[in-house]
Amino acid sequence: MNAALRPASTDYGSWYAGYVELVPEDDILSALESQSAKTQKLLASLDEQKAATRYAEGKWSVKEVLGHMVDAERVMSYRALAFARGETQELPGFDENEYVRNAGFDAWKLGDLAEQYALVRRSTIVLFHNFPEEAWSRRGVASENPVTVAALAWIIVGHERHHTNVLRERYRVGG
């Protein structure tokens, strides 16, 4: 992948700007890999009791945050796949609150959630690693916003970075 493909602000909807800003790296594939190792280490520091906690009433549990991170990565990776392959139809958005509400993540074993995270991230890395150079600049519309394949990679990293920051700051996970 070419470092020049770092997304411009016109390559994604304004909603995602905060996520992209959390990713100063130019080598997004390395960022995906190093982030995976850090997040897996963070998850290994948890036990079932801590994973069930919420920092306030009505907020997601740690397990729900983790499940949401995985769901969002799956959605963003699918969007990247579709646009890299030349999809021209607009892709729908997703309601993350409904996804979490209907997933039952609190009933999952923490180990299963951690394994799901690792598998989805590995799949994302292999997918992006094997996109041909020209695929990175392809664009489509998702959630009523134009987005490039490259921007989706930065959004995936930034989205996870946002949520792991929340886990550290509000949930006191990982020190």
N, C-alpha and C. Protein backbone atom coordinates (compact mmCIF):
# COMPACT_ATOMS: atom_id res chain seq x y z
N MET A 1 0.83 -1.18 0.00
CA MET A 1 0.00 0.00 0.00
C MET A 1 0.88 1.25 0.00
N ASN A 2 0.43 2.24 -0.66
CA ASN A 2 1.15 3.49 -0.80
C ASN A 2 0.77 4.45 0.34
N ALA A 3 1.74 5.01 1.03
CA ALA A 3 1.47 5.93 2.12
C ALA A 3 0.71 7.17 1.65
N ALA A 4 0.78 7.48 0.36
CA ALA A 4 0.08 8.65 -0.17
C ALA A 4 -1.43 8.46 -0.13
N LEU A 5 -1.87 7.27 0.18
CA LEU A 5 -3.30 7.02 0.21
C LEU A 5 -3.96 7.40 1.53
N ARG A 6 -3.21 8.01 2.42
CA ARG A 6 -3.85 8.50 3.66
C ARG A 6 -5.05 9.34 3.23
N PRO A 7 -6.21 9.08 3.83
CA PRO A 7 -7.43 9.74 3.33
C PRO A 7 -7.46 11.24 3.59
N ALA A 8 -8.00 11.94 2.60
CA ALA A 8 -8.28 13.37 2.75
C ALA A 8 -9.64 13.51 3.41
N SER A 9 -9.95 14.66 3.92
CA SER A 9 -11.23 14.87 4.60
C SER A 9 -12.43 14.67 3.67
N THR A 10 -12.20 14.72 2.37
CA THR A 10 -13.28 14.49 1.41
C THR A 10 -13.48 13.00 1.11
N ASP A 11 -12.66 12.15 1.72
CA ASP A 11 -12.74 10.70 1.48
C ASP A 11 -13.65 9.97 2.46
N TYR A 12 -14.29 10.70 3.36
CA TYR A 12 -15.17 10.08 4.36
C TYR A 12 -16.12 11.14 4.89
N GLY A 13 -17.22 10.70 5.47
CA GLY A 13 -18.19 11.61 6.05
C GLY A 13 -17.62 12.30 7.29
N SER A 14 -18.10 13.48 7.57
CA SER A 14 -17.58 14.26 8.68
C SER A 14 -17.73 13.53 10.02
N TRP A 15 -18.71 12.66 10.14
CA TRP A 15 -18.92 11.89 11.36
C TRP A 15 -17.65 11.11 11.74
N TYR A 16 -16.90 10.66 10.74
CA TYR A 16 -15.72 9.82 10.98
C TYR A 16 -14.43 10.60 11.19
N ALA A 17 -14.48 11.91 11.10
CA ALA A 17 -13.26 12.72 11.21
C ALA A 17 -12.54 12.48 12.53
N GLY A 18 -13.27 12.38 13.61
CA GLY A 18 -12.66 12.16 14.91
C GLY A 18 -11.88 10.85 14.98
N TYR A 19 -12.39 9.82 14.32
CA TYR A 19 -11.69 8.54 14.29
C TYR A 19 -10.41 8.64 13.46
N VAL A 20 -10.51 9.24 12.28
CA VAL A 20 -9.34 9.36 11.41
C VAL A 20 -8.26 10.20 12.09
N GLU A 21 -8.65 11.23 12.81
CA GLU A 21 -7.68 12.08 13.51
C GLU A 21 -6.93 11.32 14.61
N LEU A 22 -7.49 10.23 15.10
CA LEU A 22 -6.83 9.43 16.13
C LEU A 22 -5.73 8.53 15.56
N VAL A 23 -5.55 8.59 14.23
CA VAL A 23 -4.59 7.70 13.57
C VAL A 23 -3.55 8.54 12.83
N PRO A 24 -2.46 8.90 13.50
CA PRO A 24 -1.42 9.67 12.83
C PRO A 24 -0.54 8.83 11.91
N GLU A 25 -0.59 7.51 12.06
CA GLU A 25 0.27 6.64 11.27
C GLU A 25 -0.06 6.75 9.77
N ASP A 26 0.96 6.61 8.96
CA ASP A 26 0.77 6.53 7.51
C ASP A 26 0.71 5.09 7.03
N ASP A 27 1.35 4.18 7.75
CA ASP A 27 1.34 2.77 7.38
C ASP A 27 0.18 2.10 8.11
N ILE A 28 -0.98 2.10 7.47
CA ILE A 28 -2.19 1.63 8.13
C ILE A 28 -2.18 0.13 8.37
N LEU A 29 -1.50 -0.63 7.52
CA LEU A 29 -1.43 -2.07 7.76
C LEU A 29 -0.64 -2.37 9.03
N SER A 30 0.46 -1.68 9.23
CA SER A 30 1.23 -1.85 10.47
C SER A 30 0.41 -1.39 11.67
N ALA A 31 -0.35 -0.32 11.50
CA ALA A 31 -1.20 0.17 12.59
C ALA A 31 -2.26 -0.87 12.97
N LEU A 32 -2.87 -1.50 11.97
CA LEU A 32 -3.85 -2.55 12.24
C LEU A 32 -3.22 -3.69 13.03
N GLU A 33 -2.02 -4.09 12.64
CA GLU A 33 -1.36 -5.21 13.31
C GLU A 33 -0.92 -4.84 14.73
N SER A 34 -0.28 -3.71 14.90
CA SER A 34 0.19 -3.35 16.24
C SER A 34 -0.99 -3.08 17.17
N GLN A 35 -2.05 -2.52 16.65
CA GLN A 35 -3.23 -2.28 17.46
C GLN A 35 -3.83 -3.60 17.94
N SER A 36 -3.85 -4.58 17.07
CA SER A 36 -4.39 -5.88 17.44
C SER A 36 -3.65 -6.45 18.64
N ALA A 37 -2.33 -6.40 18.60
CA ALA A 37 -1.53 -6.92 19.71
C ALA A 37 -1.83 -6.17 21.00
N LYS A 38 -1.94 -4.85 20.92
CA LYS A 38 -2.22 -4.03 22.11
C LYS A 38 -3.60 -4.34 22.67
N THR A 39 -4.59 -4.45 21.79
CA THR A 39 -5.95 -4.72 22.25
C THR A 39 -6.05 -6.12 22.84
N GLN A 40 -5.38 -7.09 22.24
CA GLN A 40 -5.40 -8.44 22.82
C GLN A 40 -4.75 -8.46 24.20
N LYS A 41 -3.70 -7.68 24.39
CA LYS A 41 -3.06 -7.58 25.71
C LYS A 41 -4.03 -6.94 26.70
N LEU A 42 -4.73 -5.91 26.27
CA LEU A 42 -5.72 -5.25 27.11
C LEU A 42 -6.81 -6.25 27.52
N LEU A 43 -7.28 -7.03 26.57
CA LEU A 43 -8.34 -8.01 26.86
C LEU A 43 -7.85 -9.09 27.81
N ALA A 44 -6.59 -9.46 27.69
CA ALA A 44 -6.02 -10.49 28.56
C ALA A 44 -5.95 -10.01 30.02
N SER A 45 -5.99 -8.70 30.23
CA SER A 45 -5.94 -8.17 31.59
C SER A 45 -7.30 -8.22 32.30
N LEU A 46 -8.33 -8.63 31.58
CA LEU A 46 -9.69 -8.65 32.13
C LEU A 46 -10.04 -10.00 32.72
N ASP A 47 -10.98 -9.98 33.64
CA ASP A 47 -11.63 -11.21 34.08
C ASP A 47 -13.13 -11.02 33.84
N GLU A 48 -13.90 -12.07 34.04
CA GLU A 48 -15.34 -12.02 33.75
C GLU A 48 -16.04 -10.92 34.55
N GLN A 49 -15.64 -10.73 35.80
CA GLN A 49 -16.29 -9.71 36.64
C GLN A 49 -16.05 -8.31 36.08
N LYS A 50 -14.79 -8.01 35.75
CA LYS A 50 -14.47 -6.69 35.21
C LYS A 50 -15.15 -6.49 33.85
N ALA A 51 -15.22 -7.55 33.05
CA ALA A 51 -15.82 -7.46 31.72
C ALA A 51 -17.31 -7.19 31.77
N ALA A 52 -17.92 -7.47 32.91
CA ALA A 52 -19.37 -7.25 33.06
C ALA A 52 -19.69 -5.85 33.58
N THR A 53 -18.67 -5.07 33.94
CA THR A 53 -18.92 -3.76 34.55
C THR A 53 -19.35 -2.71 33.54
N ARG A 54 -20.04 -1.73 34.06
CA ARG A 54 -20.46 -0.53 33.32
C ARG A 54 -19.97 0.67 34.13
N TYR A 55 -19.56 1.72 33.45
CA TYR A 55 -19.04 2.86 34.22
C TYR A 55 -20.16 3.75 34.73
N ALA A 56 -21.37 3.57 34.19
CA ALA A 56 -22.53 4.32 34.66
C ALA A 56 -23.80 3.57 34.24
N GLU A 57 -24.86 3.84 34.92
CA GLU A 57 -26.14 3.21 34.59
C GLU A 57 -26.54 3.57 33.16
N GLY A 58 -26.99 2.57 32.42
CA GLY A 58 -27.43 2.79 31.05
C GLY A 58 -26.31 2.75 30.02
N LYS A 59 -25.06 2.60 30.48
CA LYS A 59 -23.92 2.52 29.56
C LYS A 59 -23.64 1.06 29.26
N TRP A 60 -22.95 0.82 28.15
CA TRP A 60 -22.59 -0.53 27.78
C TRP A 60 -21.61 -1.13 28.78
N SER A 61 -21.67 -2.45 28.92
CA SER A 61 -20.67 -3.15 29.72
C SER A 61 -19.38 -3.23 28.89
N VAL A 62 -18.29 -3.63 29.54
CA VAL A 62 -17.04 -3.82 28.82
C VAL A 62 -17.24 -4.84 27.70
N LYS A 63 -17.97 -5.94 27.99
CA LYS A 63 -18.24 -6.95 26.97
C LYS A 63 -19.02 -6.35 25.79
N GLU A 64 -19.96 -5.49 26.09
CA GLU A 64 -20.74 -4.87 25.01
C GLU A 64 -19.87 -3.92 24.18
N VAL A 65 -18.97 -3.20 24.81
CA VAL A 65 -18.05 -2.34 24.06
C VAL A 65 -17.20 -3.20 23.13
N LEU A 66 -16.67 -4.28 23.66
CA LEU A 66 -15.85 -5.17 22.84
C LEU A 66 -16.67 -5.75 21.69
N GLY A 67 -17.88 -6.21 21.97
CA GLY A 67 -18.73 -6.75 20.91
C GLY A 67 -19.05 -5.70 19.86
N HIS A 68 -19.29 -4.48 20.29
CA HIS A 68 -19.54 -3.38 19.35
C HIS A 68 -18.32 -3.12 18.48
N MET A 69 -17.13 -3.14 19.06
CA MET A 69 -15.92 -2.93 18.28
C MET A 69 -15.82 -3.97 17.16
N VAL A 70 -16.11 -5.21 17.50
CA VAL A 70 -16.03 -6.29 16.51
C VAL A 70 -17.11 -6.12 15.45
N ASP A 71 -18.34 -5.83 15.87
CA ASP A 71 -19.42 -5.63 14.90
C ASP A 71 -19.09 -4.49 13.94
N ALA A 72 -18.61 -3.39 14.47
CA ALA A 72 -18.28 -2.23 13.63
C ALA A 72 -17.16 -2.57 12.66
N GLU A 73 -16.16 -3.31 13.12
CA GLU A 73 -15.07 -3.68 12.22
C GLU A 73 -15.59 -4.58 11.11
N ARG A 74 -16.48 -5.49 11.43
CA ARG A 74 -17.07 -6.35 10.39
C ARG A 74 -17.80 -5.51 9.35
N VAL A 75 -18.58 -4.56 9.81
CA VAL A 75 -19.34 -3.70 8.90
C VAL A 75 -18.39 -2.89 8.02
N MET A 76 -17.39 -2.26 8.64
CA MET A 76 -16.45 -1.43 7.88
C MET A 76 -15.63 -2.28 6.90
N SER A 77 -15.24 -3.47 7.31
CA SER A 77 -14.49 -4.35 6.42
C SER A 77 -15.35 -4.80 5.25
N TYR A 78 -16.61 -5.08 5.51
CA TYR A 78 -17.50 -5.44 4.41
C TYR A 78 -17.62 -4.27 3.43
N ARG A 79 -17.78 -3.08 3.96
CA ARG A 79 -17.85 -1.91 3.08
C ARG A 79 -16.59 -1.79 2.24
N ALA A 80 -15.44 -1.97 2.86
CA ALA A 80 -14.17 -1.90 2.11
C ALA A 80 -14.14 -2.97 1.03
N LEU A 81 -14.53 -4.18 1.36
CA LEU A 81 -14.57 -5.27 0.38
C LEU A 81 -15.49 -4.90 -0.79
N ALA A 82 -16.68 -4.45 -0.46
CA ALA A 82 -17.65 -4.13 -1.50
C ALA A 82 -17.13 -3.03 -2.44
N PHE A 83 -16.60 -1.97 -1.89
CA PHE A 83 -16.14 -0.86 -2.72
C PHE A 83 -14.85 -1.23 -3.47
N ALA A 84 -13.99 -2.00 -2.84
CA ALA A 84 -12.77 -2.45 -3.52
C ALA A 84 -13.11 -3.31 -4.73
N ARG A 85 -14.20 -4.04 -4.64
CA ARG A 85 -14.62 -4.91 -5.74
C ARG A 85 -15.48 -4.19 -6.77
N GLY A 86 -15.74 -2.90 -6.54
CA GLY A 86 -16.47 -2.10 -7.53
C GLY A 86 -17.96 -1.95 -7.28
N GLU A 87 -18.42 -2.25 -6.09
CA GLU A 87 -19.84 -2.09 -5.77
C GLU A 87 -20.26 -0.64 -6.02
N THR A 88 -21.39 -0.47 -6.69
CA THR A 88 -21.88 0.87 -6.98
C THR A 88 -23.15 1.21 -6.21
N GLN A 89 -23.76 0.22 -5.59
CA GLN A 89 -24.97 0.50 -4.82
C GLN A 89 -24.61 1.08 -3.46
N GLU A 90 -25.43 1.98 -2.97
CA GLU A 90 -25.22 2.56 -1.65
C GLU A 90 -25.44 1.47 -0.60
N LEU A 91 -24.56 1.45 0.39
CA LEU A 91 -24.68 0.49 1.48
C LEU A 91 -25.35 1.16 2.67
N PRO A 92 -26.18 0.42 3.39
CA PRO A 92 -26.91 1.01 4.51
C PRO A 92 -26.02 1.27 5.72
N GLY A 93 -26.53 2.10 6.58
CA GLY A 93 -25.87 2.31 7.87
C GLY A 93 -26.26 1.17 8.80
N PHE A 94 -25.83 1.27 10.04
CA PHE A 94 -26.27 0.30 11.03
C PHE A 94 -26.45 1.01 12.36
N ASP A 95 -27.40 0.55 13.13
CA ASP A 95 -27.70 1.15 14.41
C ASP A 95 -26.94 0.37 15.48
N GLU A 96 -25.82 0.92 15.91
CA GLU A 96 -24.96 0.21 16.85
C GLU A 96 -25.66 -0.14 18.16
N ASN A 97 -26.59 0.70 18.58
CA ASN A 97 -27.32 0.40 19.81
C ASN A 97 -28.23 -0.82 19.65
N GLU A 98 -28.88 -0.93 18.52
CA GLU A 98 -29.71 -2.11 18.25
C GLU A 98 -28.85 -3.36 18.12
N TYR A 99 -27.70 -3.23 17.46
CA TYR A 99 -26.80 -4.39 17.34
C TYR A 99 -26.41 -4.88 18.72
N VAL A 100 -26.01 -3.98 19.60
CA VAL A 100 -25.60 -4.37 20.94
C VAL A 100 -26.78 -4.93 21.72
N ARG A 101 -27.92 -4.27 21.61
CA ARG A 101 -29.12 -4.72 22.34
C ARG A 101 -29.51 -6.14 21.94
N ASN A 102 -29.34 -6.47 20.67
CA ASN A 102 -29.78 -7.78 20.18
C ASN A 102 -28.70 -8.85 20.18
N ALA A 103 -27.47 -8.50 20.55
CA ALA A 103 -26.36 -9.45 20.48
C ALA A 103 -26.23 -10.34 21.71
N GLY A 104 -26.66 -9.85 22.85
CA GLY A 104 -26.50 -10.61 24.09
C GLY A 104 -25.05 -10.80 24.51
N PHE A 105 -24.22 -9.79 24.25
CA PHE A 105 -22.80 -9.91 24.55
C PHE A 105 -22.51 -10.22 26.02
N ASP A 106 -23.35 -9.75 26.93
CA ASP A 106 -23.09 -10.01 28.36
C ASP A 106 -23.15 -11.49 28.69
N ALA A 107 -23.85 -12.27 27.88
CA ALA A 107 -23.93 -13.72 28.11
C ALA A 107 -22.76 -14.48 27.50
N TRP A 108 -21.98 -13.81 26.67
CA TRP A 108 -20.81 -14.45 26.04
C TRP A 108 -19.72 -14.65 27.09
N LYS A 109 -18.92 -15.67 26.89
CA LYS A 109 -17.71 -15.82 27.69
C LYS A 109 -16.70 -14.79 27.18
N LEU A 110 -15.98 -14.20 28.10
CA LEU A 110 -14.98 -13.21 27.72
C LEU A 110 -13.98 -13.79 26.73
N GLY A 111 -13.57 -15.03 26.95
CA GLY A 111 -12.61 -15.67 26.04
C GLY A 111 -13.14 -15.78 24.62
N ASP A 112 -14.45 -16.03 24.50
CA ASP A 112 -15.04 -16.11 23.16
C ASP A 112 -15.06 -14.74 22.48
N LEU A 113 -15.35 -13.70 23.25
CA LEU A 113 -15.31 -12.35 22.68
C LEU A 113 -13.89 -11.98 22.26
N ALA A 114 -12.92 -12.31 23.09
CA ALA A 114 -11.53 -12.01 22.77
C ALA A 114 -11.09 -12.78 21.52
N GLU A 115 -11.51 -14.03 21.41
CA GLU A 115 -11.16 -14.82 20.23
C GLU A 115 -11.82 -14.25 18.98
N GLN A 116 -13.09 -13.86 19.13
CA GLN A 116 -13.79 -13.26 17.99
C GLN A 116 -13.07 -11.99 17.53
N TYR A 117 -12.65 -11.17 18.49
CA TYR A 117 -11.90 -9.96 18.14
C TYR A 117 -10.66 -10.32 17.33
N ALA A 118 -9.87 -11.26 17.85
CA ALA A 118 -8.61 -11.63 17.20
C ALA A 118 -8.85 -12.16 15.79
N LEU A 119 -9.89 -12.98 15.62
CA LEU A 119 -10.17 -13.55 14.30
C LEU A 119 -10.66 -12.50 13.31
N VAL A 120 -11.54 -11.63 13.76
CA VAL A 120 -12.04 -10.58 12.87
C VAL A 120 -10.91 -9.64 12.48
N ARG A 121 -10.07 -9.25 13.43
CA ARG A 121 -8.95 -8.36 13.10
C ARG A 121 -7.99 -9.04 12.14
N ARG A 122 -7.70 -10.32 12.36
CA ARG A 122 -6.78 -11.01 11.44
C ARG A 122 -7.38 -11.04 10.04
N SER A 123 -8.67 -11.29 9.94
CA SER A 123 -9.35 -11.29 8.65
C SER A 123 -9.27 -9.92 7.99
N THR A 124 -9.45 -8.87 8.77
CA THR A 124 -9.35 -7.50 8.25
C THR A 124 -7.95 -7.24 7.70
N ILE A 125 -6.95 -7.63 8.45
CA ILE A 125 -5.57 -7.40 8.02
C ILE A 125 -5.28 -8.12 6.71
N VAL A 126 -5.66 -9.38 6.62
CA VAL A 126 -5.41 -10.15 5.39
C VAL A 126 -6.18 -9.55 4.22
N LEU A 127 -7.42 -9.13 4.46
CA LEU A 127 -8.22 -8.51 3.40
C LEU A 127 -7.53 -7.26 2.86
N PHE A 128 -7.20 -6.33 3.74
CA PHE A 128 -6.59 -5.08 3.30
C PHE A 128 -5.20 -5.31 2.70
N HIS A 129 -4.46 -6.23 3.28
CA HIS A 129 -3.11 -6.52 2.77
C HIS A 129 -3.15 -6.97 1.31
N ASN A 130 -4.21 -7.62 0.90
CA ASN A 130 -4.29 -8.18 -0.44
C ASN A 130 -5.11 -7.37 -1.43
N PHE A 131 -5.56 -6.18 -1.03
CA PHE A 131 -6.22 -5.32 -2.01
C PHE A 131 -5.19 -4.86 -3.03
N PRO A 132 -5.54 -4.88 -4.31
CA PRO A 132 -4.62 -4.31 -5.29
C PRO A 132 -4.50 -2.80 -5.07
N GLU A 133 -3.39 -2.25 -5.48
CA GLU A 133 -3.12 -0.82 -5.27
C GLU A 133 -4.29 0.08 -5.69
N GLU A 134 -4.87 -0.21 -6.84
CA GLU A 134 -5.95 0.65 -7.35
C GLU A 134 -7.22 0.58 -6.52
N ALA A 135 -7.39 -0.48 -5.73
CA ALA A 135 -8.61 -0.63 -4.93
C ALA A 135 -8.66 0.38 -3.79
N TRP A 136 -7.52 0.79 -3.28
CA TRP A 136 -7.48 1.68 -2.12
C TRP A 136 -8.17 3.02 -2.36
N SER A 137 -8.16 3.50 -3.60
CA SER A 137 -8.77 4.81 -3.89
C SER A 137 -10.22 4.69 -4.36
N ARG A 138 -10.71 3.47 -4.51
CA ARG A 138 -12.11 3.32 -4.93
C ARG A 138 -13.02 3.83 -3.82
N ARG A 139 -14.16 4.33 -4.27
CA ARG A 139 -15.08 4.89 -3.30
C ARG A 139 -16.49 4.41 -3.55
N GLY A 140 -17.28 4.53 -2.52
CA GLY A 140 -18.70 4.21 -2.59
C GLY A 140 -19.43 5.07 -1.59
N VAL A 141 -20.70 4.76 -1.41
CA VAL A 141 -21.51 5.50 -0.44
C VAL A 141 -22.04 4.50 0.59
N ALA A 142 -21.80 4.82 1.85
CA ALA A 142 -22.30 4.02 2.96
C ALA A 142 -22.83 4.96 4.02
N SER A 143 -23.96 4.62 4.59
CA SER A 143 -24.58 5.50 5.59
C SER A 143 -24.77 6.91 5.05
N GLU A 144 -25.09 6.98 3.76
CA GLU A 144 -25.36 8.25 3.07
C GLU A 144 -24.14 9.16 2.96
N ASN A 145 -22.93 8.59 3.13
CA ASN A 145 -21.70 9.36 3.03
C ASN A 145 -20.73 8.69 2.08
N PRO A 146 -20.06 9.49 1.23
CA PRO A 146 -19.02 8.89 0.39
C PRO A 146 -17.85 8.47 1.26
N VAL A 147 -17.20 7.37 0.86
CA VAL A 147 -16.06 6.88 1.61
C VAL A 147 -15.16 6.06 0.69
N THR A 148 -13.86 6.19 0.88
CA THR A 148 -12.92 5.38 0.09
C THR A 148 -12.53 4.14 0.89
N VAL A 149 -11.99 3.18 0.16
CA VAL A 149 -11.49 1.97 0.80
C VAL A 149 -10.40 2.33 1.81
N ALA A 150 -9.48 3.20 1.42
CA ALA A 150 -8.41 3.61 2.33
C ALA A 150 -8.98 4.26 3.59
N ALA A 151 -9.96 5.14 3.44
CA ALA A 151 -10.55 5.80 4.60
C ALA A 151 -11.14 4.78 5.56
N LEU A 152 -11.72 3.73 5.03
CA LEU A 152 -12.30 2.71 5.90
C LEU A 152 -11.24 2.04 6.78
N ALA A 153 -10.04 1.86 6.25
CA ALA A 153 -8.97 1.29 7.07
C ALA A 153 -8.63 2.22 8.23
N TRP A 154 -8.51 3.52 7.96
CA TRP A 154 -8.22 4.48 9.02
C TRP A 154 -9.38 4.57 10.01
N ILE A 155 -10.60 4.47 9.51
CA ILE A 155 -11.78 4.52 10.39
C ILE A 155 -11.77 3.31 11.33
N ILE A 156 -11.43 2.14 10.81
CA ILE A 156 -11.39 0.94 11.66
C ILE A 156 -10.39 1.13 12.80
N VAL A 157 -9.20 1.60 12.49
CA VAL A 157 -8.18 1.80 13.52
C VAL A 157 -8.62 2.89 14.49
N GLY A 158 -9.11 4.01 13.98
CA GLY A 158 -9.53 5.11 14.83
C GLY A 158 -10.72 4.77 15.71
N HIS A 159 -11.67 4.02 15.17
CA HIS A 159 -12.84 3.62 15.94
C HIS A 159 -12.40 2.76 17.13
N GLU A 160 -11.54 1.80 16.87
CA GLU A 160 -11.07 0.95 17.96
C GLU A 160 -10.26 1.76 18.97
N ARG A 161 -9.43 2.66 18.48
CA ARG A 161 -8.62 3.49 19.37
C ARG A 161 -9.54 4.31 20.28
N HIS A 162 -10.59 4.86 19.71
CA HIS A 162 -11.57 5.62 20.50
C HIS A 162 -12.12 4.75 21.63
N HIS A 163 -12.56 3.54 21.29
CA HIS A 163 -13.19 2.70 22.31
C HIS A 163 -12.20 2.14 23.32
N THR A 164 -10.99 1.83 22.91
CA THR A 164 -10.01 1.37 23.91
C THR A 164 -9.62 2.52 24.83
N ASN A 165 -9.61 3.75 24.32
CA ASN A 165 -9.38 4.91 25.19
C ASN A 165 -10.51 5.03 26.21
N VAL A 166 -11.75 4.83 25.77
CA VAL A 166 -12.89 4.87 26.68
C VAL A 166 -12.76 3.76 27.72
N LEU A 167 -12.37 2.57 27.30
CA LEU A 167 -12.20 1.46 28.26
C LEU A 167 -11.15 1.82 29.32
N ARG A 168 -10.08 2.45 28.92
CA ARG A 168 -9.03 2.82 29.88
C ARG A 168 -9.48 3.94 30.80
N GLU A 169 -10.09 4.97 30.20
CA GLU A 169 -10.42 6.19 30.96
C GLU A 169 -11.68 6.04 31.82
N ARG A 170 -12.72 5.47 31.28
CA ARG A 170 -14.00 5.42 32.01
C ARG A 170 -14.22 4.10 32.75
N TYR A 171 -13.73 3.02 32.18
CA TYR A 171 -13.93 1.71 32.79
C TYR A 171 -12.74 1.29 33.64
N ARG A 172 -11.63 2.02 33.54
CA ARG A 172 -10.40 1.71 34.27
C ARG A 172 -9.87 0.32 33.93
N VAL A 173 -9.90 0.00 32.64
CA VAL A 173 -9.41 -1.28 32.15
C VAL A 173 -7.97 -1.11 31.70
N GLY A 174 -7.11 -2.01 32.09
CA GLY A 174 -5.73 -2.02 31.60
C GLY A 174 -4.81 -0.98 32.20
N GLY A 175 -5.24 -0.28 33.20
CA GLY A 175 -4.34 0.67 33.85
C GLY A 175 -4.15 1.97 33.14
